[in-house]
Amino acid sequence: MTAKIGSAKRQRILDAAVELFRSAHQVRKVSIEDIAAKANVSPTTIYHYFGTRDALVAEVAKTLVVAFAEQARQFFRSALSFPQKLQATTSGKIAIASATSDEVISKMMDQDPEMARFVEQVYHTEIAPLWHEFIEAGKSEGYVNPDLDEEVFLAYMDVLLAGFRARADLLEQWRTRLPFLEKMTRLMFYGFLRKEIDLFPKEAK
């Protein structure tokens, strides 16, 4: 994925914001003045490029979304086995998120139309095709049901994405809720039935 290239000064501001958000214990107290000092620019320059602090946070969140997509590509197209790819992708996302503030994570799940469009675009142009490749590899290696319909799977992923947007509160203070999120991840991949049941039996003729 080719990231949009801005000026070096704009990128320096973004890098400074990311670093300060990662190191701060109370991220909401990181001010425009703090970021300006770190980036060696004036607060006016930040307002020139981003308008508001909230808009800057949104740009940092977009940077994180792109990082997720790029990391997924690296894992999915590596020489690792299917289980290793799945493990690496899951743990990698946790590692990126662990180094990111709750405020930025919250912004990723924001209902703001612009952010929602950006996440949708990255998902459908970058992530969905990677999932297609991943599922096909899983089928060939015997880990994914060969009867799984790709259209159904991608629709399922769309529903999950919409669900997390509707329940953004699930990701608030997520570091203290890792066991809960791990259980949700298992439910996503394995479902909740231990034995297969014929839910749609054919009528006896």
N, C-alpha and C. Protein backbone atom coordinates (compact mmCIF):
# COMPACT_ATOMS: atom_id res chain seq x y z
N MET A 1 0.85 -1.19 0.00
CA MET A 1 0.00 0.00 0.00
C MET A 1 0.88 1.24 0.00
N THR A 2 0.58 2.16 -0.87
CA THR A 2 1.38 3.38 -0.95
C THR A 2 0.75 4.46 -0.09
N ALA A 3 1.45 4.89 0.95
CA ALA A 3 0.92 5.92 1.83
C ALA A 3 1.00 7.26 1.14
N LYS A 4 0.05 8.12 1.45
CA LYS A 4 0.05 9.47 0.90
C LYS A 4 1.23 10.23 1.49
N ILE A 5 2.05 10.80 0.63
CA ILE A 5 3.26 11.47 1.06
C ILE A 5 2.98 12.96 1.24
N GLY A 6 3.18 13.47 2.44
CA GLY A 6 3.03 14.88 2.70
C GLY A 6 4.40 15.51 2.84
N SER A 7 4.43 16.72 3.33
CA SER A 7 5.71 17.38 3.52
C SER A 7 6.48 16.72 4.65
N ALA A 8 7.80 16.95 4.64
CA ALA A 8 8.64 16.40 5.71
C ALA A 8 8.24 16.99 7.06
N LYS A 9 7.83 18.24 7.05
CA LYS A 9 7.44 18.88 8.31
C LYS A 9 6.16 18.26 8.85
N ARG A 10 5.21 18.00 7.97
CA ARG A 10 3.95 17.36 8.38
C ARG A 10 4.23 15.98 8.97
N GLN A 11 5.12 15.22 8.32
CA GLN A 11 5.45 13.90 8.80
C GLN A 11 6.16 13.97 10.15
N ARG A 12 6.98 14.99 10.33
CA ARG A 12 7.69 15.17 11.60
C ARG A 12 6.69 15.41 12.74
N ILE A 13 5.65 16.16 12.44
CA ILE A 13 4.61 16.40 13.43
C ILE A 13 3.90 15.10 13.79
N LEU A 14 3.56 14.32 12.76
CA LEU A 14 2.90 13.03 13.02
C LEU A 14 3.78 12.11 13.85
N ASP A 15 5.07 12.04 13.49
CA ASP A 15 6.00 11.17 14.23
C ASP A 15 6.10 11.62 15.69
N ALA A 16 6.15 12.93 15.91
CA ALA A 16 6.24 13.46 17.28
C ALA A 16 4.98 13.12 18.06
N ALA A 17 3.82 13.25 17.42
CA ALA A 17 2.56 12.94 18.09
C ALA A 17 2.50 11.46 18.47
N VAL A 18 2.89 10.59 17.54
CA VAL A 18 2.89 9.15 17.82
C VAL A 18 3.78 8.84 19.01
N GLU A 19 4.99 9.41 19.02
CA GLU A 19 5.94 9.13 20.10
C GLU A 19 5.42 9.63 21.44
N LEU A 20 4.86 10.82 21.47
CA LEU A 20 4.35 11.37 22.73
C LEU A 20 3.12 10.60 23.21
N PHE A 21 2.24 10.23 22.29
CA PHE A 21 1.06 9.47 22.68
C PHE A 21 1.45 8.12 23.26
N ARG A 22 2.51 7.52 22.72
CA ARG A 22 2.95 6.21 23.20
C ARG A 22 3.60 6.29 24.58
N SER A 23 4.29 7.38 24.85
CA SER A 23 5.05 7.48 26.10
C SER A 23 4.26 8.12 27.24
N ALA A 24 3.17 8.83 26.92
CA ALA A 24 2.42 9.54 27.95
C ALA A 24 1.52 8.60 28.74
N HIS A 25 1.47 8.82 30.05
CA HIS A 25 0.57 8.03 30.89
C HIS A 25 -0.86 8.56 30.83
N GLN A 26 -1.00 9.86 30.63
CA GLN A 26 -2.31 10.47 30.48
C GLN A 26 -2.32 11.18 29.13
N VAL A 27 -2.66 10.43 28.10
CA VAL A 27 -2.51 10.89 26.73
C VAL A 27 -3.32 12.15 26.45
N ARG A 28 -4.49 12.26 27.05
CA ARG A 28 -5.34 13.42 26.76
C ARG A 28 -4.71 14.72 27.24
N LYS A 29 -3.66 14.60 28.06
CA LYS A 29 -2.98 15.81 28.52
C LYS A 29 -1.82 16.21 27.62
N VAL A 30 -1.57 15.42 26.57
CA VAL A 30 -0.55 15.80 25.59
C VAL A 30 -1.13 16.93 24.75
N SER A 31 -0.52 18.08 24.83
CA SER A 31 -1.08 19.26 24.17
C SER A 31 -0.44 19.51 22.81
N ILE A 32 -1.05 20.40 22.08
CA ILE A 32 -0.49 20.84 20.80
C ILE A 32 0.90 21.44 21.03
N GLU A 33 1.04 22.17 22.13
CA GLU A 33 2.33 22.78 22.45
C GLU A 33 3.40 21.72 22.71
N ASP A 34 3.03 20.63 23.37
CA ASP A 34 3.97 19.52 23.61
C ASP A 34 4.43 18.92 22.28
N ILE A 35 3.48 18.69 21.40
CA ILE A 35 3.78 18.08 20.11
C ILE A 35 4.63 19.02 19.27
N ALA A 36 4.31 20.31 19.33
CA ALA A 36 5.08 21.30 18.56
C ALA A 36 6.53 21.34 19.01
N ALA A 37 6.73 21.29 20.33
CA ALA A 37 8.09 21.32 20.85
C ALA A 37 8.87 20.08 20.42
N LYS A 38 8.20 18.93 20.46
CA LYS A 38 8.85 17.67 20.07
C LYS A 38 9.21 17.68 18.58
N ALA A 39 8.34 18.26 17.77
CA ALA A 39 8.56 18.27 16.32
C ALA A 39 9.41 19.46 15.88
N ASN A 40 9.72 20.32 16.83
CA ASN A 40 10.52 21.52 16.53
C ASN A 40 9.81 22.42 15.52
N VAL A 41 8.52 22.61 15.74
CA VAL A 41 7.74 23.53 14.92
C VAL A 41 6.90 24.38 15.86
N SER A 42 6.22 25.36 15.33
CA SER A 42 5.34 26.18 16.14
C SER A 42 3.95 25.56 16.20
N PRO A 43 3.19 25.84 17.28
CA PRO A 43 1.80 25.36 17.32
C PRO A 43 1.00 25.81 16.12
N THR A 44 1.30 27.01 15.61
CA THR A 44 0.59 27.52 14.44
C THR A 44 0.80 26.60 13.23
N THR A 45 1.99 26.04 13.12
CA THR A 45 2.28 25.13 12.01
C THR A 45 1.41 23.88 12.09
N ILE A 46 1.23 23.36 13.31
CA ILE A 46 0.39 22.18 13.49
C ILE A 46 -1.05 22.50 13.09
N TYR A 47 -1.54 23.65 13.53
CA TYR A 47 -2.90 24.04 13.16
C TYR A 47 -3.02 24.24 11.65
N HIS A 48 -1.95 24.69 11.03
CA HIS A 48 -1.95 24.87 9.58
C HIS A 48 -2.16 23.53 8.86
N TYR A 49 -1.46 22.50 9.34
CA TYR A 49 -1.53 21.19 8.67
C TYR A 49 -2.76 20.38 9.08
N PHE A 50 -3.16 20.49 10.36
CA PHE A 50 -4.19 19.58 10.86
C PHE A 50 -5.47 20.27 11.36
N GLY A 51 -5.39 21.55 11.62
CA GLY A 51 -6.59 22.27 12.05
C GLY A 51 -6.84 22.22 13.55
N THR A 52 -6.99 21.01 14.10
CA THR A 52 -7.27 20.84 15.52
C THR A 52 -6.48 19.65 16.07
N ARG A 53 -6.40 19.57 17.38
CA ARG A 53 -5.74 18.43 18.00
C ARG A 53 -6.49 17.14 17.67
N ASP A 54 -7.83 17.19 17.67
CA ASP A 54 -8.61 16.01 17.37
C ASP A 54 -8.35 15.52 15.96
N ALA A 55 -8.17 16.45 15.03
CA ALA A 55 -7.87 16.06 13.65
C ALA A 55 -6.49 15.41 13.57
N LEU A 56 -5.56 15.88 14.39
CA LEU A 56 -4.23 15.27 14.43
C LEU A 56 -4.32 13.85 14.98
N VAL A 57 -5.11 13.66 16.03
CA VAL A 57 -5.32 12.32 16.58
C VAL A 57 -5.90 11.40 15.52
N ALA A 58 -6.83 11.92 14.73
CA ALA A 58 -7.43 11.12 13.66
C ALA A 58 -6.39 10.70 12.64
N GLU A 59 -5.45 11.59 12.31
CA GLU A 59 -4.39 11.24 11.36
C GLU A 59 -3.46 10.18 11.94
N VAL A 60 -3.19 10.27 13.25
CA VAL A 60 -2.38 9.24 13.90
C VAL A 60 -3.11 7.89 13.84
N ALA A 61 -4.43 7.92 14.05
CA ALA A 61 -5.22 6.69 13.97
C ALA A 61 -5.16 6.10 12.57
N LYS A 62 -5.22 6.95 11.55
CA LYS A 62 -5.11 6.46 10.18
C LYS A 62 -3.75 5.81 9.94
N THR A 63 -2.71 6.40 10.54
CA THR A 63 -1.37 5.81 10.42
C THR A 63 -1.36 4.41 11.01
N LEU A 64 -2.07 4.23 12.12
CA LEU A 64 -2.14 2.92 12.76
C LEU A 64 -2.89 1.92 11.89
N VAL A 65 -3.98 2.36 11.27
CA VAL A 65 -4.76 1.49 10.38
C VAL A 65 -3.88 1.00 9.23
N VAL A 66 -3.10 1.92 8.65
CA VAL A 66 -2.19 1.56 7.57
C VAL A 66 -1.13 0.58 8.06
N ALA A 67 -0.64 0.79 9.29
CA ALA A 67 0.36 -0.11 9.86
C ALA A 67 -0.20 -1.52 10.02
N PHE A 68 -1.47 -1.63 10.45
CA PHE A 68 -2.11 -2.94 10.55
C PHE A 68 -2.14 -3.62 9.18
N ALA A 69 -2.53 -2.88 8.16
CA ALA A 69 -2.65 -3.44 6.81
C ALA A 69 -1.29 -3.89 6.28
N GLU A 70 -0.28 -3.09 6.48
CA GLU A 70 1.06 -3.44 5.99
C GLU A 70 1.60 -4.66 6.73
N GLN A 71 1.35 -4.72 8.03
CA GLN A 71 1.81 -5.87 8.80
C GLN A 71 1.10 -7.14 8.36
N ALA A 72 -0.22 -7.03 8.12
CA ALA A 72 -0.98 -8.19 7.66
C ALA A 72 -0.43 -8.71 6.34
N ARG A 73 -0.08 -7.80 5.44
CA ARG A 73 0.47 -8.20 4.15
C ARG A 73 1.78 -8.98 4.33
N GLN A 74 2.63 -8.47 5.20
CA GLN A 74 3.92 -9.13 5.45
C GLN A 74 3.72 -10.55 5.95
N PHE A 75 2.79 -10.73 6.90
CA PHE A 75 2.56 -12.05 7.47
C PHE A 75 1.87 -12.98 6.48
N PHE A 76 0.79 -12.48 5.84
CA PHE A 76 0.00 -13.33 4.97
C PHE A 76 0.79 -13.80 3.75
N ARG A 77 1.75 -13.01 3.30
CA ARG A 77 2.52 -13.38 2.11
C ARG A 77 3.91 -13.90 2.44
N SER A 78 4.11 -14.26 3.70
CA SER A 78 5.40 -14.81 4.11
C SER A 78 5.42 -16.32 3.87
N ALA A 79 6.55 -16.94 4.18
CA ALA A 79 6.69 -18.39 3.99
C ALA A 79 6.22 -19.17 5.22
N LEU A 80 5.63 -18.50 6.20
CA LEU A 80 5.15 -19.18 7.39
C LEU A 80 4.00 -20.11 7.07
N SER A 81 3.78 -21.11 7.94
CA SER A 81 2.64 -22.00 7.76
C SER A 81 1.35 -21.25 8.11
N PHE A 82 0.22 -21.83 7.79
CA PHE A 82 -1.06 -21.19 8.07
C PHE A 82 -1.23 -20.87 9.57
N PRO A 83 -0.98 -21.84 10.47
CA PRO A 83 -1.11 -21.52 11.90
C PRO A 83 -0.15 -20.42 12.35
N GLN A 84 1.07 -20.45 11.83
CA GLN A 84 2.05 -19.43 12.21
C GLN A 84 1.62 -18.04 11.73
N LYS A 85 1.05 -17.98 10.53
CA LYS A 85 0.57 -16.70 10.02
C LYS A 85 -0.55 -16.15 10.90
N LEU A 86 -1.46 -17.04 11.29
CA LEU A 86 -2.58 -16.61 12.11
C LEU A 86 -2.10 -16.13 13.48
N GLN A 87 -1.17 -16.87 14.06
CA GLN A 87 -0.62 -16.47 15.36
C GLN A 87 0.14 -15.16 15.26
N ALA A 88 0.96 -15.03 14.21
CA ALA A 88 1.77 -13.82 14.04
C ALA A 88 0.89 -12.60 13.81
N THR A 89 -0.16 -12.78 13.03
CA THR A 89 -1.05 -11.65 12.75
C THR A 89 -1.75 -11.20 14.02
N THR A 90 -2.26 -12.15 14.80
CA THR A 90 -2.98 -11.81 16.03
C THR A 90 -2.06 -11.15 17.04
N SER A 91 -0.89 -11.75 17.28
CA SER A 91 0.04 -11.19 18.27
C SER A 91 0.62 -9.87 17.78
N GLY A 92 0.80 -9.74 16.47
CA GLY A 92 1.34 -8.50 15.92
C GLY A 92 0.40 -7.34 16.11
N LYS A 93 -0.90 -7.58 15.92
CA LYS A 93 -1.88 -6.52 16.12
C LYS A 93 -1.90 -6.08 17.58
N ILE A 94 -1.78 -7.06 18.48
CA ILE A 94 -1.76 -6.72 19.90
C ILE A 94 -0.52 -5.90 20.22
N ALA A 95 0.61 -6.24 19.59
CA ALA A 95 1.85 -5.50 19.85
C ALA A 95 1.74 -4.06 19.39
N ILE A 96 1.17 -3.84 18.20
CA ILE A 96 1.00 -2.48 17.70
C ILE A 96 0.05 -1.71 18.61
N ALA A 97 -1.06 -2.35 18.95
CA ALA A 97 -2.04 -1.68 19.79
C ALA A 97 -1.49 -1.39 21.18
N SER A 98 -0.66 -2.29 21.69
CA SER A 98 -0.10 -2.10 23.03
C SER A 98 0.77 -0.86 23.08
N ALA A 99 1.35 -0.49 21.95
CA ALA A 99 2.22 0.68 21.91
C ALA A 99 1.46 1.94 21.52
N THR A 100 0.13 1.83 21.52
CA THR A 100 -0.69 2.94 21.07
C THR A 100 -1.67 3.34 22.17
N SER A 101 -1.96 4.60 22.25
CA SER A 101 -2.82 5.11 23.31
C SER A 101 -4.27 4.69 23.11
N ASP A 102 -5.01 4.61 24.23
CA ASP A 102 -6.43 4.29 24.16
C ASP A 102 -7.19 5.33 23.35
N GLU A 103 -6.73 6.58 23.42
CA GLU A 103 -7.40 7.65 22.68
C GLU A 103 -7.33 7.39 21.18
N VAL A 104 -6.16 6.95 20.70
CA VAL A 104 -6.00 6.68 19.27
C VAL A 104 -6.79 5.44 18.87
N ILE A 105 -6.77 4.40 19.71
CA ILE A 105 -7.56 3.19 19.44
C ILE A 105 -9.04 3.56 19.35
N SER A 106 -9.50 4.40 20.26
CA SER A 106 -10.89 4.84 20.24
C SER A 106 -11.21 5.58 18.95
N LYS A 107 -10.27 6.41 18.50
CA LYS A 107 -10.49 7.17 17.26
C LYS A 107 -10.60 6.23 16.06
N MET A 108 -9.87 5.11 16.09
CA MET A 108 -9.96 4.14 15.00
C MET A 108 -11.39 3.61 14.85
N MET A 109 -12.07 3.47 15.99
CA MET A 109 -13.43 2.93 15.97
C MET A 109 -14.48 4.03 15.98
N ASP A 110 -14.03 5.26 15.76
CA ASP A 110 -14.91 6.43 15.81
C ASP A 110 -16.00 6.33 14.74
N GLN A 111 -17.16 6.88 15.07
CA GLN A 111 -18.26 6.91 14.11
C GLN A 111 -18.15 8.10 13.15
N ASP A 112 -17.09 8.89 13.29
CA ASP A 112 -16.89 10.01 12.39
C ASP A 112 -16.91 9.52 10.94
N PRO A 113 -17.72 10.12 10.08
CA PRO A 113 -17.87 9.63 8.70
C PRO A 113 -16.55 9.54 7.94
N GLU A 114 -15.67 10.53 8.12
CA GLU A 114 -14.40 10.50 7.39
C GLU A 114 -13.54 9.33 7.83
N MET A 115 -13.47 9.11 9.16
CA MET A 115 -12.68 7.98 9.66
C MET A 115 -13.29 6.66 9.22
N ALA A 116 -14.62 6.58 9.27
CA ALA A 116 -15.30 5.35 8.85
C ALA A 116 -15.01 5.04 7.39
N ARG A 117 -15.04 6.07 6.53
CA ARG A 117 -14.74 5.86 5.11
C ARG A 117 -13.30 5.40 4.91
N PHE A 118 -12.38 5.99 5.69
CA PHE A 118 -10.98 5.61 5.55
C PHE A 118 -10.77 4.14 5.93
N VAL A 119 -11.34 3.74 7.07
CA VAL A 119 -11.21 2.34 7.51
C VAL A 119 -11.84 1.40 6.49
N GLU A 120 -13.01 1.76 5.98
CA GLU A 120 -13.68 0.94 4.97
C GLU A 120 -12.81 0.80 3.72
N GLN A 121 -12.22 1.89 3.29
CA GLN A 121 -11.40 1.86 2.09
C GLN A 121 -10.19 0.94 2.27
N VAL A 122 -9.51 1.09 3.40
CA VAL A 122 -8.34 0.24 3.66
C VAL A 122 -8.76 -1.22 3.76
N TYR A 123 -9.88 -1.46 4.43
CA TYR A 123 -10.33 -2.84 4.58
C TYR A 123 -10.65 -3.47 3.23
N HIS A 124 -11.43 -2.80 2.41
CA HIS A 124 -11.89 -3.41 1.17
C HIS A 124 -10.80 -3.45 0.09
N THR A 125 -9.87 -2.51 0.10
CA THR A 125 -8.83 -2.51 -0.93
C THR A 125 -7.58 -3.27 -0.51
N GLU A 126 -7.34 -3.39 0.79
CA GLU A 126 -6.11 -4.03 1.27
C GLU A 126 -6.36 -5.32 2.05
N ILE A 127 -7.22 -5.24 3.07
CA ILE A 127 -7.39 -6.37 3.97
C ILE A 127 -8.22 -7.50 3.35
N ALA A 128 -9.34 -7.16 2.73
CA ALA A 128 -10.21 -8.19 2.15
C ALA A 128 -9.48 -9.07 1.13
N PRO A 129 -8.71 -8.49 0.18
CA PRO A 129 -7.97 -9.35 -0.75
C PRO A 129 -6.95 -10.25 -0.04
N LEU A 130 -6.34 -9.73 1.04
CA LEU A 130 -5.40 -10.55 1.79
C LEU A 130 -6.11 -11.71 2.48
N TRP A 131 -7.31 -11.44 3.03
CA TRP A 131 -8.08 -12.52 3.64
C TRP A 131 -8.43 -13.58 2.60
N HIS A 132 -8.74 -13.15 1.38
CA HIS A 132 -9.05 -14.11 0.32
C HIS A 132 -7.86 -15.04 0.10
N GLU A 133 -6.66 -14.46 -0.04
CA GLU A 133 -5.45 -15.27 -0.22
C GLU A 133 -5.22 -16.20 0.97
N PHE A 134 -5.45 -15.65 2.16
CA PHE A 134 -5.22 -16.40 3.40
C PHE A 134 -6.15 -17.60 3.51
N ILE A 135 -7.44 -17.37 3.21
CA ILE A 135 -8.41 -18.45 3.29
C ILE A 135 -8.11 -19.54 2.27
N GLU A 136 -7.72 -19.15 1.07
CA GLU A 136 -7.37 -20.14 0.04
C GLU A 136 -6.16 -20.96 0.47
N ALA A 137 -5.18 -20.30 1.10
CA ALA A 137 -4.02 -21.03 1.61
C ALA A 137 -4.44 -21.99 2.72
N GLY A 138 -5.35 -21.54 3.58
CA GLY A 138 -5.84 -22.40 4.67
C GLY A 138 -6.58 -23.61 4.15
N LYS A 139 -7.31 -23.43 3.06
CA LYS A 139 -8.00 -24.57 2.46
C LYS A 139 -7.00 -25.57 1.90
N SER A 140 -5.98 -25.05 1.21
CA SER A 140 -5.00 -25.95 0.59
C SER A 140 -4.18 -26.70 1.63
N GLU A 141 -4.00 -26.09 2.83
CA GLU A 141 -3.24 -26.73 3.90
C GLU A 141 -4.11 -27.56 4.84
N GLY A 142 -5.44 -27.55 4.58
CA GLY A 142 -6.33 -28.38 5.37
C GLY A 142 -6.81 -27.78 6.67
N TYR A 143 -6.61 -26.50 6.88
CA TYR A 143 -7.03 -25.86 8.12
C TYR A 143 -8.39 -25.17 8.00
N VAL A 144 -8.82 -24.89 6.79
CA VAL A 144 -10.09 -24.20 6.58
C VAL A 144 -11.01 -25.12 5.80
N ASN A 145 -12.26 -25.13 6.20
CA ASN A 145 -13.28 -25.93 5.54
C ASN A 145 -13.29 -25.61 4.04
N PRO A 146 -13.06 -26.60 3.19
CA PRO A 146 -13.02 -26.34 1.74
C PRO A 146 -14.35 -25.86 1.19
N ASP A 147 -15.45 -26.09 1.93
CA ASP A 147 -16.77 -25.67 1.48
C ASP A 147 -17.08 -24.22 1.86
N LEU A 148 -16.17 -23.57 2.58
CA LEU A 148 -16.42 -22.20 3.00
C LEU A 148 -16.56 -21.30 1.79
N ASP A 149 -17.67 -20.60 1.72
CA ASP A 149 -17.94 -19.67 0.61
C ASP A 149 -17.26 -18.34 0.90
N GLU A 150 -16.45 -17.87 -0.03
CA GLU A 150 -15.70 -16.63 0.19
C GLU A 150 -16.62 -15.43 0.40
N GLU A 151 -17.69 -15.36 -0.37
CA GLU A 151 -18.62 -14.24 -0.24
C GLU A 151 -19.24 -14.20 1.15
N VAL A 152 -19.58 -15.38 1.67
CA VAL A 152 -20.16 -15.47 3.01
C VAL A 152 -19.13 -15.05 4.06
N PHE A 153 -17.89 -15.50 3.89
CA PHE A 153 -16.84 -15.15 4.85
C PHE A 153 -16.60 -13.65 4.89
N LEU A 154 -16.48 -13.01 3.72
CA LEU A 154 -16.23 -11.58 3.68
C LEU A 154 -17.41 -10.79 4.23
N ALA A 155 -18.63 -11.29 4.01
CA ALA A 155 -19.81 -10.64 4.59
C ALA A 155 -19.76 -10.76 6.11
N TYR A 156 -19.31 -11.90 6.59
CA TYR A 156 -19.15 -12.13 8.03
C TYR A 156 -18.15 -11.14 8.62
N MET A 157 -17.04 -10.91 7.92
CA MET A 157 -16.04 -9.95 8.38
C MET A 157 -16.60 -8.53 8.38
N ASP A 158 -17.43 -8.22 7.38
CA ASP A 158 -18.08 -6.91 7.34
C ASP A 158 -18.98 -6.72 8.57
N VAL A 159 -19.70 -7.78 8.92
CA VAL A 159 -20.60 -7.70 10.08
C VAL A 159 -19.78 -7.48 11.36
N LEU A 160 -18.65 -8.17 11.49
CA LEU A 160 -17.80 -7.99 12.66
C LEU A 160 -17.28 -6.56 12.75
N LEU A 161 -16.84 -6.02 11.62
CA LEU A 161 -16.33 -4.65 11.60
C LEU A 161 -17.42 -3.66 12.02
N ALA A 162 -18.61 -3.85 11.48
CA ALA A 162 -19.73 -2.98 11.84
C ALA A 162 -20.09 -3.14 13.31
N GLY A 163 -20.00 -4.37 13.80
CA GLY A 163 -20.32 -4.64 15.20
C GLY A 163 -19.37 -3.94 16.16
N PHE A 164 -18.08 -3.96 15.85
CA PHE A 164 -17.12 -3.28 16.71
C PHE A 164 -17.31 -1.77 16.67
N ARG A 165 -17.74 -1.26 15.51
CA ARG A 165 -18.02 0.17 15.45
C ARG A 165 -19.21 0.51 16.35
N ALA A 166 -20.23 -0.35 16.31
CA ALA A 166 -21.42 -0.10 17.11
C ALA A 166 -21.15 -0.26 18.60
N ARG A 167 -20.16 -1.10 18.95
CA ARG A 167 -19.81 -1.33 20.35
C ARG A 167 -18.36 -0.93 20.59
N ALA A 168 -18.04 0.32 20.25
CA ALA A 168 -16.67 0.82 20.45
C ALA A 168 -16.27 0.77 21.90
N ASP A 169 -17.26 0.74 22.81
CA ASP A 169 -16.95 0.68 24.23
C ASP A 169 -16.20 -0.60 24.61
N LEU A 170 -16.31 -1.63 23.77
CA LEU A 170 -15.62 -2.89 24.07
C LEU A 170 -14.10 -2.71 24.05
N LEU A 171 -13.63 -1.69 23.32
CA LEU A 171 -12.19 -1.47 23.21
C LEU A 171 -11.69 -0.40 24.18
N GLU A 172 -12.60 0.18 24.94
CA GLU A 172 -12.16 1.15 25.94
C GLU A 172 -11.44 0.43 27.07
N GLN A 173 -10.31 0.96 27.48
CA GLN A 173 -9.50 0.33 28.53
C GLN A 173 -9.22 -1.15 28.19
N TRP A 174 -8.96 -1.41 26.90
CA TRP A 174 -8.85 -2.79 26.44
C TRP A 174 -7.67 -3.53 27.07
N ARG A 175 -6.64 -2.81 27.50
CA ARG A 175 -5.48 -3.48 28.09
C ARG A 175 -5.84 -4.25 29.35
N THR A 176 -6.88 -3.80 30.04
CA THR A 176 -7.32 -4.48 31.26
C THR A 176 -8.32 -5.59 30.94
N ARG A 177 -8.64 -5.76 29.66
CA ARG A 177 -9.67 -6.73 29.28
C ARG A 177 -9.15 -7.73 28.25
N LEU A 178 -7.85 -7.99 28.28
CA LEU A 178 -7.27 -8.91 27.30
C LEU A 178 -7.91 -10.29 27.32
N PRO A 179 -8.17 -10.90 28.50
CA PRO A 179 -8.82 -12.22 28.49
C PRO A 179 -10.17 -12.19 27.76
N PHE A 180 -10.93 -11.12 27.96
CA PHE A 180 -12.23 -10.97 27.29
C PHE A 180 -12.05 -10.91 25.78
N LEU A 181 -11.09 -10.10 25.32
CA LEU A 181 -10.86 -9.96 23.88
C LEU A 181 -10.31 -11.25 23.28
N GLU A 182 -9.50 -11.98 24.04
CA GLU A 182 -8.99 -13.26 23.55
C GLU A 182 -10.14 -14.25 23.37
N LYS A 183 -11.10 -14.23 24.29
CA LYS A 183 -12.26 -15.12 24.16
C LYS A 183 -13.10 -14.74 22.95
N MET A 184 -13.24 -13.44 22.70
CA MET A 184 -13.98 -13.00 21.52
C MET A 184 -13.29 -13.44 20.24
N THR A 185 -11.95 -13.39 20.25
CA THR A 185 -11.19 -13.83 19.08
C THR A 185 -11.39 -15.31 18.83
N ARG A 186 -11.36 -16.10 19.89
CA ARG A 186 -11.59 -17.54 19.75
C ARG A 186 -13.00 -17.79 19.22
N LEU A 187 -13.97 -17.05 19.73
CA LEU A 187 -15.34 -17.23 19.27
C LEU A 187 -15.45 -16.89 17.79
N MET A 188 -14.73 -15.86 17.35
CA MET A 188 -14.75 -15.46 15.96
C MET A 188 -14.25 -16.56 15.05
N PHE A 189 -13.19 -17.24 15.46
CA PHE A 189 -12.57 -18.25 14.60
C PHE A 189 -13.18 -19.65 14.78
N TYR A 190 -13.63 -19.98 15.99
CA TYR A 190 -14.09 -21.35 16.25
C TYR A 190 -15.60 -21.48 16.44
N GLY A 191 -16.31 -20.37 16.65
CA GLY A 191 -17.73 -20.48 16.94
C GLY A 191 -17.95 -20.96 18.37
N PHE A 192 -19.17 -21.39 18.68
CA PHE A 192 -19.45 -21.80 20.06
C PHE A 192 -19.95 -23.24 20.18
N LEU A 193 -20.10 -23.95 19.08
CA LEU A 193 -20.53 -25.34 19.15
C LEU A 193 -19.33 -26.29 19.20
N ARG A 194 -19.40 -27.27 20.06
CA ARG A 194 -18.33 -28.27 20.14
C ARG A 194 -18.56 -29.41 19.16
N LYS A 195 -19.82 -29.61 18.79
CA LYS A 195 -20.14 -30.66 17.82
C LYS A 195 -20.99 -30.04 16.72
N GLU A 196 -20.75 -30.51 15.50
CA GLU A 196 -21.50 -29.98 14.37
C GLU A 196 -22.93 -30.50 14.41
N ILE A 197 -23.86 -29.60 14.21
CA ILE A 197 -25.29 -29.94 14.19
C ILE A 197 -25.87 -29.52 12.84
N ASP A 198 -26.66 -30.37 12.27
CA ASP A 198 -27.29 -30.05 10.99
C ASP A 198 -28.43 -29.07 11.26
N LEU A 199 -28.15 -27.78 11.05
CA LEU A 199 -29.13 -26.75 11.38
C LEU A 199 -30.23 -26.64 10.34
N PHE A 200 -29.96 -27.12 9.16
CA PHE A 200 -30.95 -27.01 8.08
C PHE A 200 -31.17 -28.38 7.43
N PRO A 201 -31.76 -29.31 8.20
CA PRO A 201 -31.95 -30.67 7.67
C PRO A 201 -32.95 -30.68 6.51
N LYS A 202 -32.63 -31.50 5.53
CA LYS A 202 -33.53 -31.64 4.38
C LYS A 202 -34.77 -32.43 4.80
N GLU A 203 -35.90 -32.03 4.27
CA GLU A 203 -37.12 -32.75 4.60
C GLU A 203 -37.08 -34.15 4.00
N ALA A 204 -37.53 -35.12 4.77
CA ALA A 204 -37.53 -36.50 4.29
C ALA A 204 -38.53 -36.62 3.13
N LYS A 205 -38.09 -37.28 2.10
CA LYS A 205 -38.96 -37.46 0.93
C LYS A 205 -39.75 -38.75 1.05
